[in-house]
N, C-alpha and C. Protein backbone atom coordinates (compact mmCIF):
# COMPACT_ATOMS: atom_id res chain seq x y z
N ALA A 1 -14.11 78.96 18.51
CA ALA A 1 -13.47 79.19 20.07
C ALA A 1 -11.88 78.31 20.13
N ALA A 2 -11.56 76.85 19.33
CA ALA A 2 -10.63 75.87 19.57
C ALA A 2 -9.43 76.90 18.78
N MET A 3 -10.26 77.34 17.40
CA MET A 3 -9.25 77.67 16.50
C MET A 3 -8.50 79.28 16.75
N LYS A 4 -8.86 79.53 18.21
CA LYS A 4 -8.33 80.78 18.56
C LYS A 4 -7.24 80.71 19.60
N LEU A 5 -7.36 79.08 20.73
CA LEU A 5 -6.42 78.47 21.34
C LEU A 5 -5.53 77.74 20.66
N ALA A 6 -5.46 77.59 19.56
CA ALA A 6 -4.21 76.60 19.61
C ALA A 6 -3.17 77.88 18.24
N PRO A 7 -2.01 77.67 18.65
CA PRO A 7 -1.41 79.08 17.97
C PRO A 7 -1.22 78.40 16.26
N GLU A 8 -0.54 79.50 15.71
CA GLU A 8 -0.63 79.36 13.98
C GLU A 8 0.63 78.11 13.96
N ARG A 9 0.82 77.17 13.00
CA ARG A 9 1.31 76.55 12.63
C ARG A 9 3.39 77.08 12.76
N LYS A 10 3.25 77.74 12.30
CA LYS A 10 4.72 78.30 12.09
C LYS A 10 5.05 78.79 14.02
N LYS A 11 4.69 79.79 14.53
CA LYS A 11 4.56 79.32 15.45
C LYS A 11 4.20 78.09 16.82
N PHE A 12 4.30 77.06 16.46
CA PHE A 12 3.90 75.85 17.07
C PHE A 12 4.97 75.08 16.78
N MET A 13 5.78 75.12 15.68
CA MET A 13 6.51 74.98 15.09
C MET A 13 8.24 75.14 16.01
N GLU A 14 8.22 76.53 15.98
CA GLU A 14 8.95 77.18 17.27
C GLU A 14 8.80 76.45 18.42
N ILE A 15 8.01 76.89 18.75
CA ILE A 15 7.24 75.96 19.94
C ILE A 15 8.23 74.87 20.74
N ILE A 16 8.08 73.93 20.14
CA ILE A 16 8.35 72.13 19.33
C ILE A 16 9.19 72.27 19.37
N GLY A 17 10.30 72.70 19.14
CA GLY A 17 11.62 72.96 18.14
C GLY A 17 12.39 73.54 19.21
N GLU A 18 12.11 74.06 20.44
CA GLU A 18 12.92 74.91 21.56
C GLU A 18 13.58 74.05 21.81
N GLY A 19 13.58 72.68 22.10
CA GLY A 19 13.86 71.48 23.07
C GLY A 19 15.01 71.00 22.60
N GLY A 20 15.77 71.68 20.92
CA GLY A 20 16.94 71.01 20.87
C GLY A 20 16.97 70.09 20.34
N GLY A 21 15.85 68.87 20.47
CA GLY A 21 16.37 67.67 20.86
C GLY A 21 16.33 66.82 19.49
N ASP A 22 16.30 65.77 18.90
CA ASP A 22 15.64 64.83 17.57
C ASP A 22 14.35 64.82 17.71
N LEU A 23 13.38 66.13 16.89
CA LEU A 23 11.99 66.17 16.69
C LEU A 23 11.28 64.76 16.02
N ASN A 24 11.88 64.19 15.48
CA ASN A 24 11.49 62.81 14.66
C ASN A 24 11.60 61.66 15.60
N ALA A 25 12.90 61.51 16.47
CA ALA A 25 12.80 60.56 17.72
C ALA A 25 11.42 60.97 19.01
N ASP A 26 11.41 62.72 19.10
CA ASP A 26 10.56 62.87 19.81
C ASP A 26 9.36 61.71 19.39
N ILE A 27 9.05 62.25 18.37
CA ILE A 27 7.49 61.84 17.51
C ILE A 27 7.26 60.15 17.48
N ARG A 28 8.67 59.30 17.49
CA ARG A 28 8.47 58.00 17.25
C ARG A 28 8.28 57.59 18.88
N ASN A 29 8.96 58.54 19.67
CA ASN A 29 8.41 58.34 21.35
C ASN A 29 7.16 58.11 21.15
N PHE A 30 6.63 59.07 21.54
CA PHE A 30 4.92 59.61 21.59
C PHE A 30 4.17 59.08 21.17
N CYS A 31 4.77 58.68 19.69
CA CYS A 31 3.40 57.50 18.76
C CYS A 31 3.67 55.90 19.85
N THR A 32 4.75 55.80 19.85
CA THR A 32 5.05 54.25 21.15
C THR A 32 4.60 54.61 22.41
N MET A 33 4.30 55.65 23.23
CA MET A 33 3.73 55.28 24.74
C MET A 33 2.56 55.63 24.49
N PHE A 34 1.86 56.87 23.53
CA PHE A 34 0.54 57.06 23.82
C PHE A 34 -0.48 55.53 23.68
N PRO A 35 -0.36 54.86 22.61
CA PRO A 35 -1.41 53.64 23.11
C PRO A 35 -1.94 53.24 23.64
N PRO A 36 -1.04 52.85 24.72
CA PRO A 36 -1.60 52.18 26.04
C PRO A 36 -2.52 52.91 26.96
N ILE A 37 -1.45 54.09 27.01
CA ILE A 37 -2.33 55.23 27.64
C ILE A 37 -4.01 55.46 27.41
N LEU A 38 -3.68 55.89 25.84
CA LEU A 38 -5.03 55.76 25.39
C LEU A 38 -6.20 55.01 25.69
N GLU A 39 -5.19 53.36 25.53
CA GLU A 39 -6.65 52.00 25.83
C GLU A 39 -6.71 52.40 26.75
N GLU A 40 -6.40 52.55 28.39
CA GLU A 40 -6.29 51.95 29.83
C GLU A 40 -7.52 53.45 29.93
N ASN A 41 -7.13 54.72 29.19
CA ASN A 41 -8.21 55.10 28.99
C ASN A 41 -9.76 54.97 28.64
N HIS A 42 -9.69 54.81 27.74
CA HIS A 42 -10.86 53.73 26.86
C HIS A 42 -11.60 52.73 27.66
N LYS A 43 -10.57 51.95 28.04
CA LYS A 43 -11.05 51.19 29.45
C LYS A 43 -11.97 51.64 30.64
N PHE A 44 -11.39 52.83 30.94
CA PHE A 44 -11.77 53.85 32.28
C PHE A 44 -13.52 53.85 31.68
N LEU A 45 -13.82 55.16 30.98
CA LEU A 45 -14.42 55.07 30.22
C LEU A 45 -15.66 54.05 29.48
């Protein structure tokens, strides 16, 4: 069921590339900001 919800790779890359920004910078930013959020959720659970 999860595979049906996920878009194909090509479509996914089109969607995330629509912002016109620097995708690599966005990924670095996400990787920097996500771990503290994940840690907070882990402590909560």
